Amino acid sequence: MRIAILSRNPRLYSTKRLVEAGEALGHTVDVIDTMHCYMDITSSKPSVRYKGKPLPHYDAVIPRIGASVTFYGTSVVRQFEMMGTYSINESVAISRSRDKLRSLQLLSRKGIGMPRTGFANHPDNIGDLIKNVGGAPVVIKLLEGTQGIGVVLADTQKTAEAIIEAFMGLEANILVQEYIKEAGGADIRCLVVDGKVIAAMKRQGAEGEFRSNLHRGGSASVVRLSPAERKTAVDAAKTMGLRMCGVDILRATRGPVVMEVNSSPGLEGIEKATGKDVASMIIQCIAKNAKPHSNKTKGKG
């Protein structure tokens, strides 16, 4: 099969591993900078052009789209879908998961465990907003934040009110969530592929840091999931419509709660923590589900 990886940086660990795994399994793999693609949108023969030439037909694409370029990146994925190319994560599912508020509303509707969450627009609602998620301490998140950036722990009511007022003064969209103290600054990243958890790791925040992101100095170790945690991860992925994703879970007293569903999870931390060849499992999922030469039938988009 011929596979395209939509990635802005071919030197990233995840991108390199997917190329290595794809080629080792006998596929042709190209890395394409998403932001340098441009589209010829026609009803008869839609195409994607790159560096002055039309791209060849790809049997499958793997979107590795950063949060800052979600709008254009999903447009490119959608164009490939119009051409009949299989995408391991469809454009609509990526957009759905990137909208933090929408994704939490969908998880809530499906009855999936999640932290009590508040969202408001006007400063007059701040006091009641904090009260309704259980009171301080609370976690305040920018809707557009990634990798722990724009996530603040407010220890007291007054601190929370001040932070929320500051964010609202900047016209930033925020969520206010209960602080799951019993998680102890740790979370679980579950890698879900094709409806199964193929790998899981525990991420522990650095000393004095409540955020567990590896980018912020956290450490990773292999973890054994409970049946409830495994089911929660699979159900969250299914709710988002993602065939491949990272589901971040906290261990709360009442059971597992989902913090986020990531459509472009990094592979370095989880491969090194678990010793599993996650990249090859992703390629195998594509080989199982994609149809070679599917350009014969144009997709609906």
C-alpha atoms as a PDB file:
ATOM      1  CA  MET A   1       0.000   0.000   0.000  1.00  0.00           C
ATOM      2  CA  ARG A   2       0.990   3.621  -0.456  1.00  0.00           C
ATOM      3  CA  ILE A   3       0.567   5.628   2.750  1.00  0.00           C
ATOM      4  CA  ALA A   4       0.921   9.367   3.393  1.00  0.00           C
ATOM      5  CA  ILE A   5       1.714  10.782   6.828  1.00  0.00           C
ATOM      6  CA  LEU A   6       0.452  14.350   7.189  1.00  0.00           C
ATOM      7  CA  SER A   7       3.096  15.885   9.429  1.00  0.00           C
ATOM      8  CA  ARG A   8       4.855  19.249   9.530  1.00  0.00           C
ATOM      9  CA  ASN A   9       8.122  17.759  10.763  1.00  0.00           C
ATOM     10  CA  PRO A  10       9.527  14.464   9.408  1.00  0.00           C
ATOM     11  CA  ARG A  11      12.113  14.434  12.230  1.00  0.00           C
ATOM     12  CA  LEU A  12       9.559  14.030  15.005  1.00  0.00           C
ATOM     13  CA  TYR A  13       9.793  10.705  16.834  1.00  0.00           C
ATOM     14  CA  SER A  14       6.203   9.685  16.071  1.00  0.00           C
ATOM     15  CA  THR A  15       6.517  10.500  12.371  1.00  0.00           C
ATOM     16  CA  LYS A  16       9.843   8.663  12.024  1.00  0.00           C
ATOM     17  CA  ARG A  17       8.512   5.582  13.806  1.00  0.00           C
ATOM     18  CA  LEU A  18       5.442   5.399  11.580  1.00  0.00           C
ATOM     19  CA  VAL A  19       7.658   5.636   8.483  1.00  0.00           C
ATOM     20  CA  GLU A  20       9.972   2.903   9.809  1.00  0.00           C
ATOM     21  CA  ALA A  21       7.070   0.638  10.744  1.00  0.00           C
ATOM     22  CA  GLY A  22       5.293   1.140   7.433  1.00  0.00           C
ATOM     23  CA  GLU A  23       8.372   0.419   5.359  1.00  0.00           C
ATOM     24  CA  ALA A  24       9.283  -2.609   7.502  1.00  0.00           C
ATOM     25  CA  LEU A  25       5.830  -4.041   6.744  1.00  0.00           C
ATOM     26  CA  GLY A  26       6.363  -3.572   3.011  1.00  0.00           C
ATOM     27  CA  HIS A  27       4.458  -0.349   2.392  1.00  0.00           C
ATOM     28  CA  THR A  28       5.544   2.845   0.629  1.00  0.00           C
ATOM     29  CA  VAL A  29       5.357   5.741   3.095  1.00  0.00           C
ATOM     30  CA  ASP A  30       5.683   9.465   2.284  1.00  0.00           C
ATOM     31  CA  VAL A  31       5.730  12.374   4.744  1.00  0.00           C
ATOM     32  CA  ILE A  32       3.792  15.407   3.518  1.00  0.00           C
ATOM     33  CA  ASP A  33       3.748  18.830   5.176  1.00  0.00           C
ATOM     34  CA  THR A  34       0.041  19.482   5.687  1.00  0.00           C
ATOM     35  CA  MET A  35       0.363  23.264   5.466  1.00  0.00           C
ATOM     36  CA  HIS A  36       2.066  23.087   2.060  1.00  0.00           C
ATOM     37  CA  CYS A  37      -0.784  21.099   0.533  1.00  0.00           C
ATOM     38  CA  TYR A  38      -3.339  22.938  -1.553  1.00  0.00           C
ATOM     39  CA  MET A  39      -6.543  21.638  -2.997  1.00  0.00           C
ATOM     40  CA  ASP A  40      -8.223  21.504  -6.370  1.00  0.00           C
ATOM     41  CA  ILE A  41     -11.880  21.268  -5.404  1.00  0.00           C
ATOM     42  CA  THR A  42     -13.904  20.024  -8.366  1.00  0.00           C
ATOM     43  CA  SER A  43     -16.891  17.707  -8.641  1.00  0.00           C
ATOM     44  CA  SER A  44     -15.292  15.542 -11.329  1.00  0.00           C
ATOM     45  CA  LYS A  45     -11.764  14.996 -10.081  1.00  0.00           C
ATOM     46  CA  PRO A  46     -10.830  16.467  -6.671  1.00  0.00           C
ATOM     47  CA  SER A  47      -7.095  16.467  -5.976  1.00  0.00           C
ATOM     48  CA  VAL A  48      -4.417  17.592  -3.549  1.00  0.00           C
ATOM     49  CA  ARG A  49      -1.422  19.422  -4.965  1.00  0.00           C
ATOM     50  CA  TYR A  50       1.978  19.724  -3.296  1.00  0.00           C
ATOM     51  CA  LYS A  51       5.011  21.742  -4.371  1.00  0.00           C
ATOM     52  CA  GLY A  52       3.542  22.502  -7.773  1.00  0.00           C
ATOM     53  CA  LYS A  53       2.413  18.983  -8.653  1.00  0.00           C
ATOM     54  CA  PRO A  54      -0.626  16.785  -7.984  1.00  0.00           C
ATOM     55  CA  LEU A  55       0.055  14.172  -5.320  1.00  0.00           C
ATOM     56  CA  PRO A  56      -0.131  10.537  -6.397  1.00  0.00           C
ATOM     57  CA  HIS A  57      -3.043   8.449  -5.171  1.00  0.00           C
ATOM     58  CA  TYR A  58      -2.579   7.219  -1.617  1.00  0.00           C
ATOM     59  CA  ASP A  59      -4.419   4.223  -0.250  1.00  0.00           C
ATOM     60  CA  ALA A  60      -4.345   5.706   3.253  1.00  0.00           C
ATOM     61  CA  VAL A  61      -3.356   8.809   5.196  1.00  0.00           C
ATOM     62  CA  ILE A  62      -2.270   9.176   8.823  1.00  0.00           C
ATOM     63  CA  PRO A  63      -3.127  12.694  10.048  1.00  0.00           C
ATOM     64  CA  ARG A  64      -0.550  14.062  12.515  1.00  0.00           C
ATOM     65  CA  ILE A  65      -2.152  17.482  12.775  1.00  0.00           C
ATOM     66  CA  GLY A  66      -1.189  19.940  15.500  1.00  0.00           C
ATOM     67  CA  ALA A  67      -3.921  21.747  17.430  1.00  0.00           C
ATOM     68  CA  SER A  68      -2.860  25.148  16.050  1.00  0.00           C
ATOM     69  CA  VAL A  69      -3.559  24.087  12.447  1.00  0.00           C
ATOM     70  CA  THR A  70      -6.708  22.029  13.035  1.00  0.00           C
ATOM     71  CA  PHE A  71      -8.925  23.993  10.625  1.00  0.00           C
ATOM     72  CA  TYR A  72      -6.636  23.776   7.609  1.00  0.00           C
ATOM     73  CA  GLY A  73      -5.342  20.318   8.494  1.00  0.00           C
ATOM     74  CA  THR A  74      -8.822  18.792   8.687  1.00  0.00           C
ATOM     75  CA  SER A  75      -9.664  20.467   5.363  1.00  0.00           C
ATOM     76  CA  VAL A  76      -6.754  18.610   3.772  1.00  0.00           C
ATOM     77  CA  VAL A  77      -7.856  15.320   5.348  1.00  0.00           C
ATOM     78  CA  ARG A  78     -11.389  15.934   4.085  1.00  0.00           C
ATOM     79  CA  GLN A  79     -10.047  16.452   0.562  1.00  0.00           C
ATOM     80  CA  PHE A  80      -8.250  13.099   0.703  1.00  0.00           C
ATOM     81  CA  GLU A  81     -11.522  11.546   1.873  1.00  0.00           C
ATOM     82  CA  MET A  82     -13.273  13.072  -1.156  1.00  0.00           C
ATOM     83  CA  MET A  83     -10.694  11.290  -3.307  1.00  0.00           C
ATOM     84  CA  GLY A  84     -11.571   7.930  -1.747  1.00  0.00           C
ATOM     85  CA  THR A  85      -8.440   7.719   0.430  1.00  0.00           C
ATOM     86  CA  TYR A  86      -8.779   5.943   3.775  1.00  0.00           C
ATOM     87  CA  SER A  87      -7.889   8.055   6.810  1.00  0.00           C
ATOM     88  CA  ILE A  88      -7.225   6.271  10.096  1.00  0.00           C
ATOM     89  CA  ASN A  89      -8.968   9.243  11.742  1.00  0.00           C
ATOM     90  CA  GLU A  90     -11.641  10.991   9.717  1.00  0.00           C
ATOM     91  CA  SER A  91     -11.700  14.786   9.499  1.00  0.00           C
ATOM     92  CA  VAL A  92     -15.009  15.149  11.360  1.00  0.00           C
ATOM     93  CA  ALA A  93     -13.736  12.994  14.248  1.00  0.00           C
ATOM     94  CA  ILE A  94     -10.546  15.054  14.560  1.00  0.00           C
ATOM     95  CA  SER A  95     -12.562  18.296  14.651  1.00  0.00           C
ATOM     96  CA  ARG A  96     -14.945  16.820  17.212  1.00  0.00           C
ATOM     97  CA  SER A  97     -12.154  15.780  19.576  1.00  0.00           C
ATOM     98  CA  ARG A  98     -10.278  19.091  19.237  1.00  0.00           C
ATOM     99  CA  ASP A  99     -13.267  21.053  20.503  1.00  0.00           C
ATOM    100  CA  LYS A 100     -12.804  20.444  24.228  1.00  0.00           C
ATOM    101  CA  LEU A 101     -16.238  21.693  25.214  1.00  0.00           C
ATOM    102  CA  ARG A 102     -18.038  19.692  22.526  1.00  0.00           C
ATOM    103  CA  SER A 103     -16.057  16.544  23.310  1.00  0.00           C
ATOM    104  CA  LEU A 104     -16.942  16.770  27.018  1.00  0.00           C
ATOM    105  CA  GLN A 105     -20.605  17.295  26.166  1.00  0.00           C
ATOM    106  CA  LEU A 106     -20.546  14.187  23.963  1.00  0.00           C
ATOM    107  CA  LEU A 107     -18.829  12.126  26.674  1.00  0.00           C
ATOM    108  CA  SER A 108     -21.391  13.337  29.195  1.00  0.00           C
ATOM    109  CA  ARG A 109     -24.278  12.398  26.922  1.00  0.00           C
ATOM    110  CA  LYS A 110     -22.905   8.854  26.639  1.00  0.00           C
ATOM    111  CA  GLY A 111     -22.576   8.542  30.411  1.00  0.00           C
ATOM    112  CA  ILE A 112     -18.774   8.287  30.372  1.00  0.00           C
ATOM    113  CA  GLY A 113     -17.020   9.298  33.605  1.00  0.00           C
ATOM    114  CA  MET A 114     -15.553  12.810  33.572  1.00  0.00           C
ATOM    115  CA  PRO A 115     -14.743  15.586  36.059  1.00  0.00           C
ATOM    116  CA  ARG A 116     -17.550  17.974  36.958  1.00  0.00           C
ATOM    117  CA  THR A 117     -17.094  20.777  34.451  1.00  0.00           C
ATOM    118  CA  GLY A 118     -18.401  24.319  34.142  1.00  0.00           C
ATOM    119  CA  PHE A 119     -18.392  26.729  31.222  1.00  0.00           C
ATOM    120  CA  ALA A 120     -19.587  30.341  31.282  1.00  0.00           C
ATOM    121  CA  ASN A 121     -19.232  33.583  29.391  1.00  0.00           C
ATOM    122  CA  HIS A 122     -20.078  36.378  31.847  1.00  0.00           C
ATOM    123  CA  PRO A 123     -18.074  37.277  35.011  1.00  0.00           C
ATOM    124  CA  ASP A 124     -21.310  37.514  37.060  1.00  0.00           C
ATOM    125  CA  ASN A 125     -21.505  33.716  36.857  1.00  0.00           C
ATOM    126  CA  ILE A 126     -18.072  33.025  38.357  1.00  0.00           C
ATOM    127  CA  GLY A 127     -19.064  32.364  41.975  1.00  0.00           C
ATOM    128  CA  ASP A 128     -21.854  29.968  41.115  1.00  0.00           C
ATOM    129  CA  LEU A 129     -19.713  28.373  38.395  1.00  0.00           C
ATOM    130  CA  ILE A 130     -17.015  27.444  40.937  1.00  0.00           C
ATOM    131  CA  LYS A 131     -19.599  26.266  43.464  1.00  0.00           C
ATOM    132  CA  ASN A 132     -21.274  23.954  40.944  1.00  0.00           C
ATOM    133  CA  VAL A 133     -18.066  22.033  40.208  1.00  0.00           C
ATOM    134  CA  GLY A 134     -17.515  21.418  43.924  1.00  0.00           C
ATOM    135  CA  GLY A 135     -15.701  24.560  45.011  1.00  0.00           C
ATOM    136  CA  ALA A 136     -11.984  25.297  45.309  1.00  0.00           C
ATOM    137  CA  PRO A 137      -9.516  23.937  44.540  1.00  0.00           C
ATOM    138  CA  VAL A 138     -10.479  23.913  40.856  1.00  0.00           C
ATOM    139  CA  VAL A 139      -8.636  23.439  37.579  1.00  0.00           C
ATOM    140  CA  ILE A 140      -9.040  26.208  35.002  1.00  0.00           C
ATOM    141  CA  LYS A 141      -8.286  25.371  31.377  1.00  0.00           C
ATOM    142  CA  LEU A 142      -8.018  27.351  28.189  1.00  0.00           C
ATOM    143  CA  LEU A 143     -10.113  25.640  25.515  1.00  0.00           C
ATOM    144  CA  GLU A 144      -7.273  26.104  23.029  1.00  0.00           C
ATOM    145  CA  GLY A 145      -4.470  24.914  25.321  1.00  0.00           C
ATOM    146  CA  THR A 146      -2.262  21.869  24.583  1.00  0.00           C
ATOM    147  CA  GLN A 147       0.445  19.887  26.403  1.00  0.00           C
ATOM    148  CA  GLY A 148      -0.515  21.407  29.753  1.00  0.00           C
ATOM    149  CA  ILE A 149      -0.203  25.004  28.531  1.00  0.00           C
ATOM    150  CA  GLY A 150      -3.095  27.161  29.734  1.00  0.00           C
ATOM    151  CA  VAL A 151      -3.991  24.812  32.613  1.00  0.00           C
ATOM    152  CA  VAL A 152      -3.990  26.391  36.090  1.00  0.00           C
ATOM    153  CA  LEU A 153      -4.760  24.985  39.536  1.00  0.00           C
ATOM    154  CA  ALA A 154      -6.515  27.526  41.758  1.00  0.00           C
ATOM    155  CA  ASP A 155      -6.287  26.588  45.451  1.00  0.00           C
ATOM    156  CA  THR A 156      -8.842  29.057  46.823  1.00  0.00           C
ATOM    157  CA  GLN A 157     -12.114  30.661  45.779  1.00  0.00           C
ATOM    158  CA  LYS A 158     -10.539  34.117  45.530  1.00  0.00           C
ATOM    159  CA  THR A 159      -7.627  32.842  43.447  1.00  0.00           C
ATOM    160  CA  ALA A 160     -10.012  31.034  41.126  1.00  0.00           C
ATOM    161  CA  GLU A 161     -12.170  34.119  40.706  1.00  0.00           C
ATOM    162  CA  ALA A 162      -9.126  36.277  39.922  1.00  0.00           C
ATOM    163  CA  ILE A 163      -7.767  33.832  37.331  1.00  0.00           C
ATOM    164  CA  ILE A 164     -11.149  33.428  35.639  1.00  0.00           C
ATOM    165  CA  GLU A 165     -11.667  37.186  35.516  1.00  0.00           C
ATOM    166  CA  ALA A 166      -8.205  37.621  33.977  1.00  0.00           C
ATOM    167  CA  PHE A 167      -8.880  35.006  31.286  1.00  0.00           C
ATOM    168  CA  MET A 168     -12.291  36.498  30.549  1.00  0.00           C
ATOM    169  CA  GLY A 169     -10.720  39.949  30.320  1.00  0.00           C
ATOM    170  CA  LEU A 170      -8.600  38.548  27.491  1.00  0.00           C
ATOM    171  CA  GLU A 171     -11.784  37.126  25.896  1.00  0.00           C
ATOM    172  CA  ALA A 172     -10.378  33.612  26.265  1.00  0.00           C
ATOM    173  CA  ASN A 173     -12.686  30.604  26.333  1.00  0.00           C
ATOM    174  CA  ILE A 174     -12.175  28.540  29.487  1.00  0.00           C
ATOM    175  CA  LEU A 175     -13.431  25.477  31.302  1.00  0.00           C
ATOM    176  CA  VAL A 176     -13.560  25.152  35.090  1.00  0.00           C
ATOM    177  CA  GLN A 177     -13.249  21.584  36.416  1.00  0.00           C
ATOM    178  CA  GLU A 178     -13.183  19.880  39.778  1.00  0.00           C
ATOM    179  CA  TYR A 179      -9.725  18.970  41.025  1.00  0.00           C
ATOM    180  CA  ILE A 180      -9.326  15.198  41.400  1.00  0.00           C
ATOM    181  CA  LYS A 181      -7.026  15.293  44.423  1.00  0.00           C
ATOM    182  CA  GLU A 182      -6.827  11.509  44.850  1.00  0.00           C
ATOM    183  CA  ALA A 183      -5.149  11.189  41.422  1.00  0.00           C
ATOM    184  CA  GLY A 184      -2.000  12.574  43.063  1.00  0.00           C
ATOM    185  CA  GLY A 185      -0.737  14.456  40.022  1.00  0.00           C
ATOM    186  CA  ALA A 186      -0.847  11.335  37.853  1.00  0.00           C
ATOM    187  CA  ASP A 187      -2.946  10.233  34.915  1.00  0.00           C
ATOM    188  CA  ILE A 188      -3.164   7.236  32.606  1.00  0.00           C
ATOM    189  CA  ARG A 189      -2.664   7.511  28.857  1.00  0.00           C
ATOM    190  CA  CYS A 190      -4.456   4.711  27.004  1.00  0.00           C
ATOM    191  CA  LEU A 191      -3.582   4.204  23.350  1.00  0.00           C
ATOM    192  CA  VAL A 192      -6.708   2.952  21.564  1.00  0.00           C
ATOM    193  CA  VAL A 193      -6.442   1.483  18.057  1.00  0.00           C
ATOM    194  CA  ASP A 194      -9.353  -0.055  16.176  1.00  0.00           C
ATOM    195  CA  GLY A 195     -11.529  -0.336  19.276  1.00  0.00           C
ATOM    196  CA  LYS A 196      -8.911  -1.881  21.588  1.00  0.00           C
ATOM    197  CA  VAL A 197      -6.458  -0.519  24.168  1.00  0.00           C
ATOM    198  CA  ILE A 198      -3.122  -1.651  22.736  1.00  0.00           C
ATOM    199  CA  ALA A 199      -0.872   0.084  25.300  1.00  0.00           C
ATOM    200  CA  ALA A 200      -1.190   2.106  28.487  1.00  0.00           C
ATOM    201  CA  MET A 201       1.176   4.103  30.671  1.00  0.00           C
ATOM    202  CA  LYS A 202       0.968   6.024  33.918  1.00  0.00           C
ATOM    203  CA  ARG A 203       2.262   9.589  33.723  1.00  0.00           C
ATOM    204  CA  GLN A 204       3.390  11.123  37.003  1.00  0.00           C
ATOM    205  CA  GLY A 205       3.869  14.861  37.314  1.00  0.00           C
ATOM    206  CA  ALA A 206       7.195  16.272  38.445  1.00  0.00           C
ATOM    207  CA  GLU A 207       7.650  17.216  42.099  1.00  0.00           C
ATOM    208  CA  GLY A 208       5.311  20.092  42.943  1.00  0.00           C
ATOM    209  CA  GLU A 209       3.571  19.879  39.541  1.00  0.00           C
ATOM    210  CA  PHE A 210      -0.078  18.799  39.271  1.00  0.00           C
ATOM    211  CA  ARG A 211       0.116  18.443  35.464  1.00  0.00           C
ATOM    212  CA  SER A 212       1.402  15.053  34.358  1.00  0.00           C
ATOM    213  CA  ASN A 213       2.460  15.974  30.802  1.00  0.00           C
ATOM    214  CA  LEU A 214       5.801  14.455  29.796  1.00  0.00           C
ATOM    215  CA  HIS A 215       6.617  17.749  28.053  1.00  0.00           C
ATOM    216  CA  ARG A 216       6.539  19.364  31.498  1.00  0.00           C
ATOM    217  CA  GLY A 217       9.000  16.983  33.142  1.00  0.00           C
ATOM    218  CA  GLY A 218       6.612  14.171  34.034  1.00  0.00           C
ATOM    219  CA  SER A 219       7.735  10.542  34.090  1.00  0.00           C
ATOM    220  CA  ALA A 220       6.109   7.501  32.465  1.00  0.00           C
ATOM    221  CA  SER A 221       5.787   3.882  33.562  1.00  0.00           C
ATOM    222  CA  VAL A 222       3.821   0.840  32.457  1.00  0.00           C
ATOM    223  CA  VAL A 223       0.459   0.385  34.190  1.00  0.00           C
ATOM    224  CA  ARG A 224      -2.116  -2.368  34.507  1.00  0.00           C
ATOM    225  CA  LEU A 225      -5.623  -1.192  33.656  1.00  0.00           C
ATOM    226  CA  SER A 226      -8.758  -2.241  35.454  1.00  0.00           C
ATOM    227  CA  PRO A 227     -11.652  -3.514  33.314  1.00  0.00           C
ATOM    228  CA  ALA A 228     -13.508  -0.246  34.032  1.00  0.00           C
ATOM    229  CA  GLU A 229     -10.544   1.851  32.861  1.00  0.00           C
ATOM    230  CA  ARG A 230     -10.161  -0.201  29.697  1.00  0.00           C
ATOM    231  CA  LYS A 231     -13.880   0.107  28.907  1.00  0.00           C
ATOM    232  CA  THR A 232     -13.857   3.839  29.601  1.00  0.00           C
ATOM    233  CA  ALA A 233     -10.981   4.384  27.154  1.00  0.00           C
ATOM    234  CA  VAL A 234     -12.631   2.317  24.416  1.00  0.00           C
ATOM    235  CA  ASP A 235     -16.007   4.007  24.934  1.00  0.00           C
ATOM    236  CA  ALA A 236     -14.415   7.479  24.810  1.00  0.00           C
ATOM    237  CA  ALA A 237     -12.643   6.692  21.533  1.00  0.00           C
ATOM    238  CA  LYS A 238     -15.868   5.322  20.069  1.00  0.00           C
ATOM    239  CA  THR A 239     -17.801   8.403  21.174  1.00  0.00           C
ATOM    240  CA  MET A 240     -15.333  10.657  19.355  1.00  0.00           C
ATOM    241  CA  GLY A 241     -15.381   8.394  16.289  1.00  0.00           C
ATOM    242  CA  LEU A 242     -11.599   7.962  16.401  1.00  0.00           C
ATOM    243  CA  ARG A 243      -9.977   4.721  15.216  1.00  0.00           C
ATOM    244  CA  MET A 244      -6.649   5.737  16.761  1.00  0.00           C
ATOM    245  CA  CYS A 245      -6.268   8.056  19.741  1.00  0.00           C
ATOM    246  CA  GLY A 246      -4.857   8.646  23.186  1.00  0.00           C
ATOM    247  CA  VAL A 247      -7.397   8.737  26.022  1.00  0.00           C
ATOM    248  CA  ASP A 248      -6.231  10.427  29.227  1.00  0.00           C
ATOM    249  CA  ILE A 249      -7.861   9.084  32.379  1.00  0.00           C
ATOM    250  CA  LEU A 250      -7.675  10.035  36.056  1.00  0.00           C
ATOM    251  CA  ARG A 251      -8.228   7.518  38.835  1.00  0.00           C
ATOM    252  CA  ALA A 252     -10.956   9.113  40.929  1.00  0.00           C
ATOM    253  CA  THR A 253     -12.569   7.583  44.009  1.00  0.00           C
ATOM    254  CA  ARG A 254     -15.821   7.162  42.063  1.00  0.00           C
ATOM    255  CA  GLY A 255     -14.031   5.420  39.164  1.00  0.00           C
ATOM    256  CA  PRO A 256     -12.135   6.433  36.012  1.00  0.00           C
ATOM    257  CA  VAL A 257     -12.797   9.901  34.595  1.00  0.00           C
ATOM    258  CA  VAL A 258     -11.739  11.076  31.142  1.00  0.00           C
ATOM    259  CA  MET A 259      -9.717  14.274  30.921  1.00  0.00           C
ATOM    260  CA  GLU A 260      -9.071  14.403  27.184  1.00  0.00           C
ATOM    261  CA  VAL A 261      -9.168  12.408  23.952  1.00  0.00           C
ATOM    262  CA  ASN A 262      -6.180  13.150  21.695  1.00  0.00           C
ATOM    263  CA  SER A 263      -6.464  12.384  17.968  1.00  0.00           C
ATOM    264  CA  SER A 264      -2.691  12.721  17.365  1.00  0.00           C
ATOM    265  CA  PRO A 265      -1.061  11.111  20.415  1.00  0.00           C
ATOM    266  CA  GLY A 266       2.703  11.056  20.674  1.00  0.00           C
ATOM    267  CA  LEU A 267       4.287   7.627  20.446  1.00  0.00           C
ATOM    268  CA  GLU A 268       7.651   8.173  22.133  1.00  0.00           C
ATOM    269  CA  GLY A 269       6.562   8.081  25.764  1.00  0.00           C
ATOM    270  CA  ILE A 270       4.227   5.115  25.458  1.00  0.00           C
ATOM    271  CA  GLU A 271       6.584   3.017  23.304  1.00  0.00           C
ATOM    272  CA  LYS A 272       9.475   3.561  25.693  1.00  0.00           C
ATOM    273  CA  ALA A 273       7.377   2.998  28.823  1.00  0.00           C
ATOM    274  CA  THR A 274       5.685  -0.188  27.592  1.00  0.00           C
ATOM    275  CA  GLY A 275       8.263  -1.597  25.166  1.00  0.00           C
ATOM    276  CA  LYS A 276       5.474  -2.137  22.633  1.00  0.00           C
ATOM    277  CA  ASP A 277       5.783  -1.475  18.903  1.00  0.00           C
ATOM    278  CA  VAL A 278       2.786   0.851  18.788  1.00  0.00           C
ATOM    279  CA  ALA A 279       3.725   2.264  15.377  1.00  0.00           C
ATOM    280  CA  SER A 280       3.496  -1.177  13.755  1.00  0.00           C
ATOM    281  CA  MET A 281       0.106  -1.793  15.350  1.00  0.00           C
ATOM    282  CA  ILE A 282      -1.169   1.437  13.793  1.00  0.00           C
ATOM    283  CA  ILE A 283       0.126   0.433  10.367  1.00  0.00           C
ATOM    284  CA  GLN A 284      -1.435  -3.021  10.745  1.00  0.00           C
ATOM    285  CA  CYS A 285      -4.776  -1.369  11.551  1.00  0.00           C
ATOM    286  CA  ILE A 286      -4.527   0.600   8.318  1.00  0.00           C
ATOM    287  CA  ALA A 287      -3.617  -2.469   6.290  1.00  0.00           C
ATOM    288  CA  LYS A 288      -6.623  -4.299   7.754  1.00  0.00           C
ATOM    289  CA  ASN A 289      -9.175  -1.544   7.103  1.00  0.00           C
ATOM    290  CA  ALA A 290      -8.002   0.389   4.028  1.00  0.00           C
ATOM    291  CA  LYS A 291      -8.886  -0.728   0.532  1.00  0.00           C
ATOM    292  CA  PRO A 292      -5.998  -0.445  -1.973  1.00  0.00           C
ATOM    293  CA  HIS A 293      -6.771   1.599  -5.081  1.00  0.00           C
ATOM    294  CA  SER A 294      -9.953   2.924  -3.474  1.00  0.00           C
ATOM    295  CA  ASN A 295      -9.764   5.978  -5.782  1.00  0.00           C
ATOM    296  CA  LYS A 296     -12.016   4.032  -8.112  1.00  0.00           C
ATOM    297  CA  THR A 297     -14.911   5.035  -5.863  1.00  0.00           C
ATOM    298  CA  LYS A 298     -15.183   8.687  -4.886  1.00  0.00           C
ATOM    299  CA  GLY A 299     -15.955   9.332  -1.229  1.00  0.00           C
ATOM    300  CA  LYS A 300     -18.914  11.375  -0.035  1.00  0.00           C
ATOM    301  CA  GLY A 301     -16.929  13.565   2.384  1.00  0.00           C
END
